[in-house]
C-alpha cells in the first residue's frame, strides 16, 4: 500500500521553483511581471519557494528560501548561491532545520548585520535569528512574538514611526484579515493592536514592503481561488499612527512552465525574485486533480 501511496503522491503533487525578473519587466500599476528566468538545479528530492534576496551582483545572487525536502516532508531554510548570468544553482547551503516546518525567511538589515525571521507557526511563536555568514548558519537571537503568525513581515519604526509586524493568523492564514502587532522593542514583545479587513482574500503577505516611485507597496497573496494563486500589489499608508492599504493591481502567472500559482515577490539591487508552482507530472497531475481523483486517492491513502 505504501508503494502505491508514494506513486500517487508523485503523480498528483505539485512543486515550487524560484525565478528572477529585472525591474524593467515589472510594472506594479498593471501587475505586469514578464520574462521570468527560472532557477536551474538538479537537486533531486528538493524544491524551493518563498525567496528573499540576501545579496545581488552581476555575477552572483544569494537567495534565502524555503527548501522543501521530500525525505523529511517539511521545509528548512537554505541559502542558494545562483549564477547571475544563466540562473543556475551553484550551491545550496542549509542554514536552519528544525523538527517543525520552516518557510518564508524574511530578512531585516541593521547596519552590517542581517537578521532572519522565518515562518514556524507550529512552534507557536515567531523567532528571529542572526545570520552568521562565516559559519553559514542562523543563530537564535530573540522571540519577536509569542503567537503562531503566518508569513509575517516586520515594518521597522524608521518606516512608519512604530515597530510593526503585519501577519495573518494561523487560524485563518489565507483569509481577509491582516493583523497588526506593535512593540517598543524592535526585536521582542510584539502584541496585537488592531487589524485591517480586506474585501476578499488578499491579506496574507507575499514579501517585504518596498518603495517604488515614492510609494510604499505591499506585495500580498491572492488566495481567493486557492492558496498562492496570485499576487496583489497594495499601496501602504501610515497616517495618524495607523496603517491602511489600497490595492493597485493583481498578477496571475501565465508562464506555461509554472502556471499553477505565484505567491512571493521580493527585490534588491535591481533584481526581483518570485516563485511559481507546477505539477511534477504536468499531464497526469492535471488529470488527477481536475477529475476529482485526487480527493478519492487522498481518502484511500490518508492524504498527500
C-alpha atoms as a PDB file:
ATOM      1  CA  UNK A   1       0.000   0.000   0.000  1.00  0.00           C
ATOM      2  CA  UNK A   2       2.809   2.428   0.835  1.00  0.00           C
ATOM      3  CA  UNK A   3       4.308   1.935  -2.612  1.00  0.00           C
ATOM      4  CA  UNK A   4       1.021   2.883  -4.294  1.00  0.00           C
ATOM      5  CA  UNK A   5       0.698   5.883  -1.960  1.00  0.00           C
ATOM      6  CA  UNK A   6       4.146   7.111  -2.939  1.00  0.00           C
ATOM      7  CA  UNK A   7       3.345   6.707  -6.642  1.00  0.00           C
ATOM      8  CA  UNK A   8       0.054   8.582  -6.226  1.00  0.00           C
ATOM      9  CA  UNK A   9       1.748  11.426  -4.374  1.00  0.00           C
ATOM     10  CA  UNK A  10       4.392  11.705  -7.040  1.00  0.00           C
ATOM     11  CA  UNK A  11       1.881  11.815  -9.899  1.00  0.00           C
ATOM     12  CA  UNK A  12      -0.609  14.213  -8.290  1.00  0.00           C
ATOM     13  CA  UNK A  13       1.638  16.539  -6.309  1.00  0.00           C
ATOM     14  CA  UNK A  14       2.921  19.996  -7.120  1.00  0.00           C
ATOM     15  CA  UNK A  15       6.284  21.668  -6.632  1.00  0.00           C
ATOM     16  CA  UNK A  16       7.610  25.228  -6.487  1.00  0.00           C
ATOM     17  CA  UNK A  17      10.618  26.908  -8.037  1.00  0.00           C
ATOM     18  CA  UNK A  18      12.044  30.417  -7.796  1.00  0.00           C
ATOM     19  CA  UNK A  19      12.534  32.812 -10.679  1.00  0.00           C
ATOM     20  CA  UNK A  20      14.238  36.131 -11.373  1.00  0.00           C
ATOM     21  CA  UNK A  21      12.900  39.293 -13.023  1.00  0.00           C
ATOM     22  CA  UNK A  22      14.634  42.546 -13.972  1.00  0.00           C
ATOM     23  CA  UNK A  23      12.933  45.770 -12.805  1.00  0.00           C
ATOM     24  CA  UNK A  24      12.108  46.948 -16.380  1.00  0.00           C
ATOM     25  CA  UNK A  25       9.983  43.797 -16.720  1.00  0.00           C
ATOM     26  CA  UNK A  26       7.801  44.719 -13.744  1.00  0.00           C
ATOM     27  CA  UNK A  27       5.036  47.335 -13.621  1.00  0.00           C
ATOM     28  CA  UNK A  28       3.134  47.337 -10.324  1.00  0.00           C
ATOM     29  CA  UNK A  29       0.439  49.632 -11.772  1.00  0.00           C
ATOM     30  CA  UNK A  30      -0.730  46.941 -14.159  1.00  0.00           C
ATOM     31  CA  UNK A  31       0.610  43.955 -12.231  1.00  0.00           C
ATOM     32  CA  UNK A  32       2.790  43.013 -15.194  1.00  0.00           C
ATOM     33  CA  UNK A  33       5.619  40.578 -14.437  1.00  0.00           C
ATOM     34  CA  UNK A  34       7.381  39.444 -17.605  1.00  0.00           C
ATOM     35  CA  UNK A  35      10.355  37.338 -18.639  1.00  0.00           C
ATOM     36  CA  UNK A  36      10.777  35.232 -15.513  1.00  0.00           C
ATOM     37  CA  UNK A  37      14.067  33.330 -15.584  1.00  0.00           C
ATOM     38  CA  UNK A  38      13.576  30.151 -13.570  1.00  0.00           C
ATOM     39  CA  UNK A  39      16.269  28.660 -11.370  1.00  0.00           C
ATOM     40  CA  UNK A  40      18.052  25.708 -12.920  1.00  0.00           C
ATOM     41  CA  UNK A  41      19.076  22.975 -10.493  1.00  0.00           C
ATOM     42  CA  UNK A  42      19.490  19.205 -10.339  1.00  0.00           C
ATOM     43  CA  UNK A  43      18.926  18.561  -6.615  1.00  0.00           C
ATOM     44  CA  UNK A  44      16.684  15.509  -6.577  1.00  0.00           C
ATOM     45  CA  UNK A  45      14.042  15.405  -3.868  1.00  0.00           C
ATOM     46  CA  UNK A  46      14.016  19.153  -3.134  1.00  0.00           C
ATOM     47  CA  UNK A  47      12.198  22.201  -4.400  1.00  0.00           C
ATOM     48  CA  UNK A  48      12.454  25.890  -3.477  1.00  0.00           C
ATOM     49  CA  UNK A  49       9.900  28.612  -2.647  1.00  0.00           C
ATOM     50  CA  UNK A  50       9.409  31.804  -0.573  1.00  0.00           C
ATOM     51  CA  UNK A  51      12.593  33.529  -1.842  1.00  0.00           C
ATOM     52  CA  UNK A  52      14.170  36.608  -0.240  1.00  0.00           C
ATOM     53  CA  UNK A  53      17.271  38.243  -1.756  1.00  0.00           C
ATOM     54  CA  UNK A  54      20.312  38.251   0.514  1.00  0.00           C
ATOM     55  CA  UNK A  55      22.822  39.836  -1.886  1.00  0.00           C
ATOM     56  CA  UNK A  56      22.964  40.728  -5.572  1.00  0.00           C
ATOM     57  CA  UNK A  57      25.792  41.313  -8.047  1.00  0.00           C
ATOM     58  CA  UNK A  58      26.146  40.949 -11.800  1.00  0.00           C
ATOM     59  CA  UNK A  59      27.894  37.618 -11.397  1.00  0.00           C
ATOM     60  CA  UNK A  60      26.131  36.059  -8.412  1.00  0.00           C
ATOM     61  CA  UNK A  61      22.851  36.196  -6.492  1.00  0.00           C
ATOM     62  CA  UNK A  62      22.350  34.898  -2.955  1.00  0.00           C
ATOM     63  CA  UNK A  63      18.808  33.911  -2.009  1.00  0.00           C
ATOM     64  CA  UNK A  64      17.297  32.702   1.241  1.00  0.00           C
ATOM     65  CA  UNK A  65      14.429  30.321   0.556  1.00  0.00           C
ATOM     66  CA  UNK A  66      12.328  27.508   1.879  1.00  0.00           C
ATOM     67  CA  UNK A  67      13.841  24.238   0.724  1.00  0.00           C
ATOM     68  CA  UNK A  68      11.195  21.536   0.820  1.00  0.00           C
ATOM     69  CA  UNK A  69      12.865  18.153   1.268  1.00  0.00           C
ATOM     70  CA  UNK A  70      10.771  15.161   0.177  1.00  0.00           C
ATOM     71  CA  UNK A  71      12.585  12.784   2.509  1.00  0.00           C
ATOM     72  CA  UNK A  72      11.822  14.985   5.528  1.00  0.00           C
ATOM     73  CA  UNK A  73       8.339  16.049   4.369  1.00  0.00           C
ATOM     74  CA  UNK A  74       8.945  19.537   5.724  1.00  0.00           C
ATOM     75  CA  UNK A  75      10.848  22.668   4.806  1.00  0.00           C
ATOM     76  CA  UNK A  76      14.120  24.092   6.038  1.00  0.00           C
ATOM     77  CA  UNK A  77      15.785  27.446   5.369  1.00  0.00           C
ATOM     78  CA  UNK A  78      18.618  27.318   2.847  1.00  0.00           C
ATOM     79  CA  UNK A  79      20.917  29.805   1.167  1.00  0.00           C
ATOM     80  CA  UNK A  80      21.044  29.438  -2.592  1.00  0.00           C
ATOM     81  CA  UNK A  81      24.044  30.760  -4.491  1.00  0.00           C
ATOM     82  CA  UNK A  82      22.900  31.389  -8.071  1.00  0.00           C
ATOM     83  CA  UNK A  83      24.865  32.327 -11.176  1.00  0.00           C
ATOM     84  CA  UNK A  84      23.804  35.858 -12.146  1.00  0.00           C
ATOM     85  CA  UNK A  85      24.090  35.109 -15.858  1.00  0.00           C
ATOM     86  CA  UNK A  86      22.349  31.803 -16.531  1.00  0.00           C
ATOM     87  CA  UNK A  87      20.488  31.452 -13.187  1.00  0.00           C
ATOM     88  CA  UNK A  88      21.945  28.035 -12.496  1.00  0.00           C
ATOM     89  CA  UNK A  89      22.255  26.944  -8.863  1.00  0.00           C
ATOM     90  CA  UNK A  90      25.913  26.853  -7.871  1.00  0.00           C
ATOM     91  CA  UNK A  91      25.462  25.868  -4.241  1.00  0.00           C
ATOM     92  CA  UNK A  92      22.687  25.215  -1.713  1.00  0.00           C
ATOM     93  CA  UNK A  93      23.545  25.552   1.985  1.00  0.00           C
ATOM     94  CA  UNK A  94      21.041  24.586   4.725  1.00  0.00           C
ATOM     95  CA  UNK A  95      21.097  27.377   7.333  1.00  0.00           C
ATOM     96  CA  UNK A  96      18.344  26.240   9.694  1.00  0.00           C
ATOM     97  CA  UNK A  97      16.443  22.985  10.144  1.00  0.00           C
ATOM     98  CA  UNK A  98      14.027  22.162  12.967  1.00  0.00           C
ATOM     99  CA  UNK A  99      11.602  19.387  13.828  1.00  0.00           C
ATOM    100  CA  UNK A 100       8.792  21.619  12.525  1.00  0.00           C
ATOM    101  CA  UNK A 101       8.274  23.105   9.067  1.00  0.00           C
ATOM    102  CA  UNK A 102      10.157  26.321   8.208  1.00  0.00           C
ATOM    103  CA  UNK A 103       9.365  28.707   5.361  1.00  0.00           C
ATOM    104  CA  UNK A 104       9.217  32.410   4.334  1.00  0.00           C
ATOM    105  CA  UNK A 105      12.694  33.522   5.564  1.00  0.00           C
ATOM    106  CA  UNK A 106      12.032  37.262   5.771  1.00  0.00           C
ATOM    107  CA  UNK A 107      15.098  39.475   6.132  1.00  0.00           C
ATOM    108  CA  UNK A 108      15.780  42.677   8.068  1.00  0.00           C
ATOM    109  CA  UNK A 109      19.112  44.521   7.980  1.00  0.00           C
ATOM    110  CA  UNK A 110      20.610  46.560  10.822  1.00  0.00           C
ATOM    111  CA  UNK A 111      23.840  48.165   9.654  1.00  0.00           C
ATOM    112  CA  UNK A 112      26.120  45.320   8.571  1.00  0.00           C
ATOM    113  CA  UNK A 113      24.070  42.714  10.416  1.00  0.00           C
ATOM    114  CA  UNK A 114      21.414  40.540   8.801  1.00  0.00           C
ATOM    115  CA  UNK A 115      18.528  39.056  10.765  1.00  0.00           C
ATOM    116  CA  UNK A 116      16.077  36.446   9.503  1.00  0.00           C
ATOM    117  CA  UNK A 117      12.651  35.629  10.928  1.00  0.00           C
ATOM    118  CA  UNK A 118      11.227  32.591   9.118  1.00  0.00           C
ATOM    119  CA  UNK A 119       7.689  31.329   9.487  1.00  0.00           C
ATOM    120  CA  UNK A 120       7.486  28.485  12.004  1.00  0.00           C
ATOM    121  CA  UNK A 121       3.911  28.781  13.230  1.00  0.00           C
ATOM    122  CA  UNK A 122       3.808  25.199  14.507  1.00  0.00           C
ATOM    123  CA  UNK A 123       6.284  26.278  17.188  1.00  0.00           C
ATOM    124  CA  UNK A 124       3.590  28.655  18.479  1.00  0.00           C
ATOM    125  CA  UNK A 125       5.775  31.749  18.127  1.00  0.00           C
ATOM    126  CA  UNK A 126       7.752  33.933  15.736  1.00  0.00           C
ATOM    127  CA  UNK A 127      11.519  33.845  16.378  1.00  0.00           C
ATOM    128  CA  UNK A 128      14.286  35.913  14.822  1.00  0.00           C
ATOM    129  CA  UNK A 129      17.827  34.708  14.065  1.00  0.00           C
ATOM    130  CA  UNK A 130      21.106  36.463  13.313  1.00  0.00           C
ATOM    131  CA  UNK A 131      22.842  35.332  10.134  1.00  0.00           C
ATOM    132  CA  UNK A 132      26.412  34.184  10.765  1.00  0.00           C
ATOM    133  CA  UNK A 133      27.994  34.484   7.318  1.00  0.00           C
ATOM    134  CA  UNK A 134      31.313  32.873   8.233  1.00  0.00           C
ATOM    135  CA  UNK A 135      29.661  29.796   9.762  1.00  0.00           C
ATOM    136  CA  UNK A 136      26.780  29.856   7.242  1.00  0.00           C
ATOM    137  CA  UNK A 137      24.040  29.334   9.803  1.00  0.00           C
ATOM    138  CA  UNK A 138      21.226  31.163  11.560  1.00  0.00           C
ATOM    139  CA  UNK A 139      21.862  31.780  15.255  1.00  0.00           C
ATOM    140  CA  UNK A 140      18.864  32.239  17.617  1.00  0.00           C
ATOM    141  CA  UNK A 141      18.521  35.874  18.681  1.00  0.00           C
ATOM    142  CA  UNK A 142      15.103  36.505  20.301  1.00  0.00           C
ATOM    143  CA  UNK A 143      11.369  35.860  20.135  1.00  0.00           C
ATOM    144  CA  UNK A 144       9.531  38.593  18.267  1.00  0.00           C
ATOM    145  CA  UNK A 145       6.016  37.469  19.128  1.00  0.00           C
ATOM    146  CA  UNK A 146       4.523  34.707  21.276  1.00  0.00           C
ATOM    147  CA  UNK A 147       1.842  33.968  18.666  1.00  0.00           C
ATOM    148  CA  UNK A 148       1.753  31.457  15.764  1.00  0.00           C
ATOM    149  CA  UNK A 149       1.981  34.021  12.936  1.00  0.00           C
ATOM    150  CA  UNK A 150       1.926  33.127   9.244  1.00  0.00           C
ATOM    151  CA  UNK A 151       4.206  34.817   6.685  1.00  0.00           C
ATOM    152  CA  UNK A 152       4.885  37.763   8.994  1.00  0.00           C
ATOM    153  CA  UNK A 153       6.563  40.964   7.797  1.00  0.00           C
ATOM    154  CA  UNK A 154       8.313  43.357  10.178  1.00  0.00           C
ATOM    155  CA  UNK A 155       7.973  47.072   9.410  1.00  0.00           C
ATOM    156  CA  UNK A 156      10.698  48.949  11.354  1.00  0.00           C
ATOM    157  CA  UNK A 157       9.934  52.158  13.219  1.00  0.00           C
ATOM    158  CA  UNK A 158      12.065  54.132  10.800  1.00  0.00           C
ATOM    159  CA  UNK A 159       9.490  53.442   8.083  1.00  0.00           C
ATOM    160  CA  UNK A 160       6.212  54.198   9.851  1.00  0.00           C
ATOM    161  CA  UNK A 161       7.132  55.698  13.220  1.00  0.00           C
ATOM    162  CA  UNK A 162       6.300  52.463  15.041  1.00  0.00           C
ATOM    163  CA  UNK A 163       7.742  48.969  15.130  1.00  0.00           C
ATOM    164  CA  UNK A 164       5.046  46.874  13.460  1.00  0.00           C
ATOM    165  CA  UNK A 165       4.546  43.281  12.394  1.00  0.00           C
ATOM    166  CA  UNK A 166       1.932  42.551   9.741  1.00  0.00           C
ATOM    167  CA  UNK A 167       0.654  38.988   9.620  1.00  0.00           C
ATOM    168  CA  UNK A 168      -2.315  36.755   9.112  1.00  0.00           C
ATOM    169  CA  UNK A 169      -3.104  34.383  11.967  1.00  0.00           C
ATOM    170  CA  UNK A 170      -2.678  30.606  11.851  1.00  0.00           C
ATOM    171  CA  UNK A 171      -6.415  30.080  12.399  1.00  0.00           C
ATOM    172  CA  UNK A 172      -7.204  31.801   9.085  1.00  0.00           C
ATOM    173  CA  UNK A 173      -3.906  32.312   7.256  1.00  0.00           C
ATOM    174  CA  UNK A 174      -5.380  32.775   3.768  1.00  0.00           C
ATOM    175  CA  UNK A 175      -8.350  34.972   4.617  1.00  0.00           C
ATOM    176  CA  UNK A 176      -9.365  38.635   4.635  1.00  0.00           C
ATOM    177  CA  UNK A 177      -7.920  39.788   7.980  1.00  0.00           C
ATOM    178  CA  UNK A 178      -4.410  41.196   8.345  1.00  0.00           C
ATOM    179  CA  UNK A 179      -3.406  41.618  11.982  1.00  0.00           C
ATOM    180  CA  UNK A 180      -1.156  44.447  13.194  1.00  0.00           C
ATOM    181  CA  UNK A 181       1.266  43.867  16.074  1.00  0.00           C
ATOM    182  CA  UNK A 182       3.351  46.592  17.741  1.00  0.00           C
ATOM    183  CA  UNK A 183       6.238  46.806  20.202  1.00  0.00           C
ATOM    184  CA  UNK A 184       8.568  49.435  21.652  1.00  0.00           C
ATOM    185  CA  UNK A 185      11.409  46.938  21.198  1.00  0.00           C
ATOM    186  CA  UNK A 186      12.091  46.104  17.558  1.00  0.00           C
ATOM    187  CA  UNK A 187      13.261  42.592  18.444  1.00  0.00           C
ATOM    188  CA  UNK A 188      10.716  41.372  21.016  1.00  0.00           C
ATOM    189  CA  UNK A 189       7.414  41.845  22.785  1.00  0.00           C
ATOM    190  CA  UNK A 190       5.012  42.325  19.888  1.00  0.00           C
ATOM    191  CA  UNK A 191       1.315  42.379  20.845  1.00  0.00           C
ATOM    192  CA  UNK A 192      -1.732  42.669  18.616  1.00  0.00           C
ATOM    193  CA  UNK A 193      -3.075  46.230  18.415  1.00  0.00           C
ATOM    194  CA  UNK A 194      -5.536  46.021  15.527  1.00  0.00           C
ATOM    195  CA  UNK A 195      -6.427  44.507  12.196  1.00  0.00           C
ATOM    196  CA  UNK A 196      -7.254  45.537   8.646  1.00  0.00           C
ATOM    197  CA  UNK A 197     -10.066  43.687   6.876  1.00  0.00           C
ATOM    198  CA  UNK A 198      -9.955  43.427   3.073  1.00  0.00           C
ATOM    199  CA  UNK A 199     -12.916  42.825   0.787  1.00  0.00           C
ATOM    200  CA  UNK A 200     -11.620  39.426  -0.273  1.00  0.00           C
ATOM    201  CA  UNK A 201      -8.816  37.011   0.489  1.00  0.00           C
ATOM    202  CA  UNK A 202      -5.755  39.203  -0.122  1.00  0.00           C
ATOM    203  CA  UNK A 203      -4.492  39.605   3.455  1.00  0.00           C
ATOM    204  CA  UNK A 204      -1.556  37.173   3.524  1.00  0.00           C
ATOM    205  CA  UNK A 205       1.886  38.716   2.916  1.00  0.00           C
ATOM    206  CA  UNK A 206       3.828  37.801  -0.212  1.00  0.00           C
ATOM    207  CA  UNK A 207       7.084  39.556   0.707  1.00  0.00           C
ATOM    208  CA  UNK A 208       8.581  42.663   2.281  1.00  0.00           C
ATOM    209  CA  UNK A 209       7.065  46.079   1.609  1.00  0.00           C
ATOM    210  CA  UNK A 210       9.138  48.134  -0.829  1.00  0.00           C
ATOM    211  CA  UNK A 211       9.412  51.704  -2.104  1.00  0.00           C
ATOM    212  CA  UNK A 212       8.513  52.377  -5.750  1.00  0.00           C
ATOM    213  CA  UNK A 213       8.063  55.847  -7.278  1.00  0.00           C
ATOM    214  CA  UNK A 214       7.711  57.434  -3.842  1.00  0.00           C
ATOM    215  CA  UNK A 215       5.094  54.974  -2.620  1.00  0.00           C
ATOM    216  CA  UNK A 216       5.308  52.097  -0.179  1.00  0.00           C
ATOM    217  CA  UNK A 217       3.962  48.918  -1.789  1.00  0.00           C
ATOM    218  CA  UNK A 218       2.942  45.723  -0.008  1.00  0.00           C
ATOM    219  CA  UNK A 219       3.015  42.536  -2.075  1.00  0.00           C
ATOM    220  CA  UNK A 220       0.254  40.217  -0.864  1.00  0.00           C
ATOM    221  CA  UNK A 221      -1.168  36.870  -1.875  1.00  0.00           C
ATOM    222  CA  UNK A 222      -4.424  36.441  -3.734  1.00  0.00           C
ATOM    223  CA  UNK A 223      -5.815  33.308  -2.073  1.00  0.00           C
ATOM    224  CA  UNK A 224      -9.365  33.527  -3.415  1.00  0.00           C
ATOM    225  CA  UNK A 225      -9.207  30.515  -5.734  1.00  0.00           C
ATOM    226  CA  UNK A 226      -6.603  28.678  -3.674  1.00  0.00           C
ATOM    227  CA  UNK A 227      -3.520  29.307  -1.560  1.00  0.00           C
ATOM    228  CA  UNK A 228      -0.830  31.142  -3.502  1.00  0.00           C
ATOM    229  CA  UNK A 229      -2.976  31.690  -6.573  1.00  0.00           C
ATOM    230  CA  UNK A 230      -1.608  35.139  -7.440  1.00  0.00           C
ATOM    231  CA  UNK A 231      -0.256  38.480  -6.215  1.00  0.00           C
ATOM    232  CA  UNK A 232      -1.940  41.663  -5.044  1.00  0.00           C
ATOM    233  CA  UNK A 233       0.084  44.897  -5.034  1.00  0.00           C
ATOM    234  CA  UNK A 234      -1.188  47.403  -2.464  1.00  0.00           C
ATOM    235  CA  UNK A 235      -0.292  50.988  -1.571  1.00  0.00           C
ATOM    236  CA  UNK A 236       0.591  51.354   2.096  1.00  0.00           C
ATOM    237  CA  UNK A 237      -0.450  54.467   4.041  1.00  0.00           C
ATOM    238  CA  UNK A 238       0.826  55.437   7.507  1.00  0.00           C
ATOM    239  CA  UNK A 239      -1.469  58.108   8.899  1.00  0.00           C
ATOM    240  CA  UNK A 240      -2.348  59.073  12.463  1.00  0.00           C
ATOM    241  CA  UNK A 241      -0.420  56.161  13.893  1.00  0.00           C
ATOM    242  CA  UNK A 242      -2.446  53.680  11.847  1.00  0.00           C
ATOM    243  CA  UNK A 243      -1.738  51.670   8.727  1.00  0.00           C
ATOM    244  CA  UNK A 244      -4.075  51.160   5.761  1.00  0.00           C
ATOM    245  CA  UNK A 245      -3.918  49.719   2.259  1.00  0.00           C
ATOM    246  CA  UNK A 246      -5.288  50.419  -1.209  1.00  0.00           C
ATOM    247  CA  UNK A 247      -4.934  47.841  -3.956  1.00  0.00           C
ATOM    248  CA  UNK A 248      -3.243  48.898  -7.191  1.00  0.00           C
ATOM    249  CA  UNK A 249      -3.220  45.710  -9.264  1.00  0.00           C
ATOM    250  CA  UNK A 250      -3.136  41.927  -9.288  1.00  0.00           C
ATOM    251  CA  UNK A 251      -0.970  39.459 -11.123  1.00  0.00           C
ATOM    252  CA  UNK A 252      -1.693  35.856 -12.106  1.00  0.00           C
ATOM    253  CA  UNK A 253       1.030  33.903 -13.830  1.00  0.00           C
ATOM    254  CA  UNK A 254       0.618  32.930 -17.457  1.00  0.00           C
ATOM    255  CA  UNK A 255       4.012  31.239 -17.610  1.00  0.00           C
ATOM    256  CA  UNK A 256       3.472  27.823 -19.187  1.00  0.00           C
ATOM    257  CA  UNK A 257       6.252  26.235 -17.150  1.00  0.00           C
ATOM    258  CA  UNK A 258       4.894  27.287 -13.747  1.00  0.00           C
ATOM    259  CA  UNK A 259       1.221  28.015 -14.266  1.00  0.00           C
ATOM    260  CA  UNK A 260      -0.495  26.948 -11.014  1.00  0.00           C
ATOM    261  CA  UNK A 261       0.360  29.932  -8.860  1.00  0.00           C
ATOM    262  CA  UNK A 262       2.771  32.586  -7.655  1.00  0.00           C
ATOM    263  CA  UNK A 263       2.948  33.744  -4.035  1.00  0.00           C
ATOM    264  CA  UNK A 264       6.214  35.544  -3.269  1.00  0.00           C
ATOM    265  CA  UNK A 265       7.705  38.819  -4.544  1.00  0.00           C
ATOM    266  CA  UNK A 266      10.877  40.466  -3.227  1.00  0.00           C
ATOM    267  CA  UNK A 267      13.502  42.825  -4.630  1.00  0.00           C
ATOM    268  CA  UNK A 268      17.058  44.057  -4.046  1.00  0.00           C
ATOM    269  CA  UNK A 269      19.684  45.776  -6.153  1.00  0.00           C
ATOM    270  CA  UNK A 270      17.665  45.962  -9.350  1.00  0.00           C
ATOM    271  CA  UNK A 271      16.615  42.313  -9.234  1.00  0.00           C
ATOM    272  CA  UNK A 272      13.261  40.807  -8.383  1.00  0.00           C
ATOM    273  CA  UNK A 273      12.742  37.272  -7.154  1.00  0.00           C
ATOM    274  CA  UNK A 274       9.432  35.410  -7.324  1.00  0.00           C
ATOM    275  CA  UNK A 275       8.283  31.800  -7.161  1.00  0.00           C
ATOM    276  CA  UNK A 276       5.953  29.632  -9.197  1.00  0.00           C
ATOM    277  CA  UNK A 277       4.041  26.378  -8.865  1.00  0.00           C
ATOM    278  CA  UNK A 278       3.522  23.466 -11.267  1.00  0.00           C
ATOM    279  CA  UNK A 279       2.574  19.798 -11.297  1.00  0.00           C
ATOM    280  CA  UNK A 280       5.524  17.434 -11.005  1.00  0.00           C
ATOM    281  CA  UNK A 281       3.993  15.395 -13.834  1.00  0.00           C
ATOM    282  CA  UNK A 282       2.035  18.049 -15.762  1.00  0.00           C
ATOM    283  CA  UNK A 283      -0.261  15.847 -17.863  1.00  0.00           C
ATOM    284  CA  UNK A 284      -1.174  13.206 -15.285  1.00  0.00           C
ATOM    285  CA  UNK A 285      -1.202  15.668 -12.406  1.00  0.00           C
ATOM    286  CA  UNK A 286      -3.706  17.852 -14.211  1.00  0.00           C
ATOM    287  CA  UNK A 287      -5.997  14.912 -14.981  1.00  0.00           C
ATOM    288  CA  UNK A 288      -5.845  13.519 -11.441  1.00  0.00           C
ATOM    289  CA  UNK A 289      -6.656  16.861  -9.818  1.00  0.00           C
ATOM    290  CA  UNK A 290      -9.253  18.123 -12.301  1.00  0.00           C
ATOM    291  CA  UNK A 291     -11.283  14.884 -12.365  1.00  0.00           C
ATOM    292  CA  UNK A 292     -11.561  14.667  -8.581  1.00  0.00           C
ATOM    293  CA  UNK A 293      -9.453  11.523  -8.491  1.00  0.00           C
ATOM    294  CA  UNK A 294      -7.065  13.309  -6.130  1.00  0.00           C
ATOM    295  CA  UNK A 295      -9.757  13.547  -3.431  1.00  0.00           C
ATOM    296  CA  UNK A 296     -10.609   9.859  -3.760  1.00  0.00           C
ATOM    297  CA  UNK A 297      -6.977   8.793  -3.615  1.00  0.00           C
ATOM    298  CA  UNK A 298      -6.346  11.106  -0.646  1.00  0.00           C
ATOM    299  CA  UNK A 299      -9.125   9.354   1.271  1.00  0.00           C
ATOM    300  CA  UNK A 300      -7.761   5.927   0.403  1.00  0.00           C
ATOM    301  CA  UNK A 301      -4.179   6.776   1.246  1.00  0.00           C
ATOM    302  CA  UNK A 302      -4.749   9.174   4.135  1.00  0.00           C
ATOM    303  CA  UNK A 303      -3.855  12.429   2.375  1.00  0.00           C
ATOM    304  CA  UNK A 304      -0.834  13.543   0.436  1.00  0.00           C
END
